[in-house]
Amino acid sequence: MTSVNRTAHPFDKSRLEALLNRRFFYAPAFEIYGGVAGLYDYGPPGSSLQANIIAEWRRHFIVEDHMLELDTTIITPASVFETSGHVARFADWMVKDEETGDVLRADHLVKN
């Protein structure tokens, strides 16, 4: 069994993202128009990877555990959040790390 030297090459998130973008695993949706945060388009290798992950998920949960599969939308109208009380009751304060550019929930930052 081979062991992995985790300190040989420090992880660089920006280099990984640049590689995935260059090889078109994914790209920001509507990038030529400025993009939309959180939405992505998958290229050929990204689509294949996604299909493999979904197939494995289905094999495990649907075939082995006899669960039922649903496919629903992931975009929710604002009226749903207003009616459910999410808008009135939830306020997650977000902060941005000026050095790394990471965006974090303030309550998680304080807790840690």
C-alpha atoms as a PDB file:
ATOM      1  CA  MET A   1       0.000   0.000   0.000  1.00  0.00           C
ATOM      2  CA  THR A   2       1.406   3.410  -0.949  1.00  0.00           C
ATOM      3  CA  SER A   3       1.163   6.346   1.405  1.00  0.00           C
ATOM      4  CA  VAL A   4       0.418   9.886   0.340  1.00  0.00           C
ATOM      5  CA  ASN A   5       2.737  12.692   1.358  1.00  0.00           C
ATOM      6  CA  ARG A   6       0.225  15.445   2.111  1.00  0.00           C
ATOM      7  CA  THR A   7       2.898  18.086   2.670  1.00  0.00           C
ATOM      8  CA  ALA A   8       4.843  17.581  -0.579  1.00  0.00           C
ATOM      9  CA  HIS A   9       2.584  19.916  -2.560  1.00  0.00           C
ATOM     10  CA  PRO A  10       0.498  22.401  -0.600  1.00  0.00           C
ATOM     11  CA  PHE A  11      -3.080  22.680  -1.854  1.00  0.00           C
ATOM     12  CA  ASP A  12      -3.724  25.783  -3.965  1.00  0.00           C
ATOM     13  CA  LYS A  13      -7.436  26.292  -4.607  1.00  0.00           C
ATOM     14  CA  SER A  14      -6.890  28.960  -7.277  1.00  0.00           C
ATOM     15  CA  ARG A  15      -4.590  26.656  -9.294  1.00  0.00           C
ATOM     16  CA  LEU A  16      -7.123  23.817  -9.095  1.00  0.00           C
ATOM     17  CA  GLU A  17      -9.950  26.111 -10.228  1.00  0.00           C
ATOM     18  CA  ALA A  18      -7.815  27.431 -13.101  1.00  0.00           C
ATOM     19  CA  LEU A  19      -7.032  23.856 -14.233  1.00  0.00           C
ATOM     20  CA  LEU A  20     -10.698  22.789 -14.067  1.00  0.00           C
ATOM     21  CA  ASN A  21     -11.695  25.901 -16.009  1.00  0.00           C
ATOM     22  CA  ARG A  22      -8.959  25.417 -18.638  1.00  0.00           C
ATOM     23  CA  ARG A  23     -10.016  21.815 -19.219  1.00  0.00           C
ATOM     24  CA  PHE A  24     -13.678  22.897 -19.263  1.00  0.00           C
ATOM     25  CA  PHE A  25     -14.872  20.762 -16.378  1.00  0.00           C
ATOM     26  CA  TYR A  26     -17.092  23.713 -15.595  1.00  0.00           C
ATOM     27  CA  ALA A  27     -17.466  27.423 -16.257  1.00  0.00           C
ATOM     28  CA  PRO A  28     -19.618  30.121 -14.695  1.00  0.00           C
ATOM     29  CA  ALA A  29     -23.036  30.189 -16.382  1.00  0.00           C
ATOM     30  CA  PHE A  30     -23.561  33.168 -18.690  1.00  0.00           C
ATOM     31  CA  GLU A  31     -19.886  34.067 -18.253  1.00  0.00           C
ATOM     32  CA  ILE A  32     -19.757  36.168 -21.447  1.00  0.00           C
ATOM     33  CA  TYR A  33     -22.493  38.362 -19.937  1.00  0.00           C
ATOM     34  CA  GLY A  34     -20.787  38.766 -16.589  1.00  0.00           C
ATOM     35  CA  GLY A  35     -21.890  35.461 -15.058  1.00  0.00           C
ATOM     36  CA  VAL A  36     -24.402  34.616 -12.355  1.00  0.00           C
ATOM     37  CA  ALA A  37     -23.111  33.676  -8.904  1.00  0.00           C
ATOM     38  CA  GLY A  38     -23.652  30.020  -8.046  1.00  0.00           C
ATOM     39  CA  LEU A  39     -24.698  28.822 -11.508  1.00  0.00           C
ATOM     40  CA  TYR A  40     -22.334  26.766 -13.654  1.00  0.00           C
ATOM     41  CA  ASP A  41     -22.227  25.072 -17.041  1.00  0.00           C
ATOM     42  CA  TYR A  42     -20.451  21.709 -17.287  1.00  0.00           C
ATOM     43  CA  GLY A  43     -18.213  20.810 -20.195  1.00  0.00           C
ATOM     44  CA  PRO A  44     -17.657  17.246 -21.477  1.00  0.00           C
ATOM     45  CA  PRO A  45     -15.419  16.035 -18.615  1.00  0.00           C
ATOM     46  CA  GLY A  46     -17.572  17.762 -15.995  1.00  0.00           C
ATOM     47  CA  SER A  47     -20.744  16.276 -17.473  1.00  0.00           C
ATOM     48  CA  SER A  48     -19.198  12.789 -17.431  1.00  0.00           C
ATOM     49  CA  LEU A  49     -18.049  13.195 -13.829  1.00  0.00           C
ATOM     50  CA  GLN A  50     -21.506  14.418 -12.809  1.00  0.00           C
ATOM     51  CA  ALA A  51     -23.186  11.475 -14.585  1.00  0.00           C
ATOM     52  CA  ASN A  52     -20.849   9.008 -12.820  1.00  0.00           C
ATOM     53  CA  ILE A  53     -21.581  10.542  -9.414  1.00  0.00           C
ATOM     54  CA  ILE A  54     -25.340  10.423 -10.036  1.00  0.00           C
ATOM     55  CA  ALA A  55     -25.123   6.809 -11.247  1.00  0.00           C
ATOM     56  CA  GLU A  56     -23.254   5.809  -8.086  1.00  0.00           C
ATOM     57  CA  TRP A  57     -25.738   7.715  -5.917  1.00  0.00           C
ATOM     58  CA  ARG A  58     -28.641   5.927  -7.649  1.00  0.00           C
ATOM     59  CA  ARG A  59     -26.952   2.536  -7.319  1.00  0.00           C
ATOM     60  CA  HIS A  60     -26.495   3.046  -3.588  1.00  0.00           C
ATOM     61  CA  PHE A  61     -29.766   4.696  -2.567  1.00  0.00           C
ATOM     62  CA  ILE A  62     -32.289   3.481  -5.134  1.00  0.00           C
ATOM     63  CA  VAL A  63     -31.061  -0.015  -5.970  1.00  0.00           C
ATOM     64  CA  GLU A  64     -29.529  -1.053  -2.620  1.00  0.00           C
ATOM     65  CA  ASP A  65     -31.693   0.917  -0.162  1.00  0.00           C
ATOM     66  CA  HIS A  66     -34.909   0.780  -2.232  1.00  0.00           C
ATOM     67  CA  MET A  67     -35.533   4.510  -1.956  1.00  0.00           C
ATOM     68  CA  LEU A  68     -37.583   6.534  -4.412  1.00  0.00           C
ATOM     69  CA  GLU A  69     -36.061   9.227  -6.604  1.00  0.00           C
ATOM     70  CA  LEU A  70     -37.442  12.736  -7.092  1.00  0.00           C
ATOM     71  CA  ASP A  71     -36.245  15.413  -9.465  1.00  0.00           C
ATOM     72  CA  THR A  72     -37.300  18.933  -8.516  1.00  0.00           C
ATOM     73  CA  THR A  73     -36.276  22.439  -9.451  1.00  0.00           C
ATOM     74  CA  ILE A  74     -33.375  24.071  -7.645  1.00  0.00           C
ATOM     75  CA  ILE A  75     -34.461  27.648  -8.292  1.00  0.00           C
ATOM     76  CA  THR A  76     -37.127  28.908  -5.905  1.00  0.00           C
ATOM     77  CA  PRO A  77     -39.264  32.037  -6.368  1.00  0.00           C
ATOM     78  CA  ALA A  78     -38.902  34.731  -3.691  1.00  0.00           C
ATOM     79  CA  SER A  79     -42.598  34.384  -2.757  1.00  0.00           C
ATOM     80  CA  VAL A  80     -41.927  30.848  -1.435  1.00  0.00           C
ATOM     81  CA  PHE A  81     -39.251  32.153   0.954  1.00  0.00           C
ATOM     82  CA  GLU A  82     -41.494  35.011   2.055  1.00  0.00           C
ATOM     83  CA  THR A  83     -44.500  32.727   2.689  1.00  0.00           C
ATOM     84  CA  SER A  84     -42.417  30.124   4.541  1.00  0.00           C
ATOM     85  CA  GLY A  85     -41.007  32.774   6.896  1.00  0.00           C
ATOM     86  CA  HIS A  86     -37.408  32.458   5.741  1.00  0.00           C
ATOM     87  CA  VAL A  87     -37.154  36.136   4.792  1.00  0.00           C
ATOM     88  CA  ALA A  88     -38.616  37.460   8.054  1.00  0.00           C
ATOM     89  CA  ARG A  89     -36.892  35.040  10.457  1.00  0.00           C
ATOM     90  CA  PHE A  90     -33.494  34.235   8.976  1.00  0.00           C
ATOM     91  CA  ALA A  91     -30.662  36.713   8.628  1.00  0.00           C
ATOM     92  CA  ASP A  92     -27.264  35.097   8.133  1.00  0.00           C
ATOM     93  CA  TRP A  93     -24.684  37.853   8.369  1.00  0.00           C
ATOM     94  CA  MET A  94     -21.883  37.264   5.884  1.00  0.00           C
ATOM     95  CA  VAL A  95     -18.310  38.547   6.051  1.00  0.00           C
ATOM     96  CA  LYS A  96     -15.547  38.502   3.462  1.00  0.00           C
ATOM     97  CA  ASP A  97     -11.933  37.685   4.291  1.00  0.00           C
ATOM     98  CA  GLU A  98      -9.957  40.471   2.615  1.00  0.00           C
ATOM     99  CA  GLU A  99      -6.820  38.319   2.309  1.00  0.00           C
ATOM    100  CA  THR A 100      -8.293  35.146   0.805  1.00  0.00           C
ATOM    101  CA  GLY A 101     -11.546  36.458  -0.643  1.00  0.00           C
ATOM    102  CA  ASP A 102     -13.494  33.707   1.163  1.00  0.00           C
ATOM    103  CA  VAL A 103     -17.062  34.576   2.137  1.00  0.00           C
ATOM    104  CA  LEU A 104     -18.088  33.151   5.518  1.00  0.00           C
ATOM    105  CA  ARG A 105     -21.155  33.173   7.736  1.00  0.00           C
ATOM    106  CA  ALA A 106     -20.371  35.479  10.642  1.00  0.00           C
ATOM    107  CA  ASP A 107     -21.964  33.167  13.245  1.00  0.00           C
ATOM    108  CA  HIS A 108     -19.717  30.300  12.119  1.00  0.00           C
ATOM    109  CA  LEU A 109     -16.671  32.567  12.257  1.00  0.00           C
ATOM    110  CA  VAL A 110     -17.480  33.681  15.819  1.00  0.00           C
ATOM    111  CA  LYS A 111     -18.179  30.092  16.916  1.00  0.00           C
ATOM    112  CA  ASN A 112     -14.823  28.903  15.526  1.00  0.00           C
END
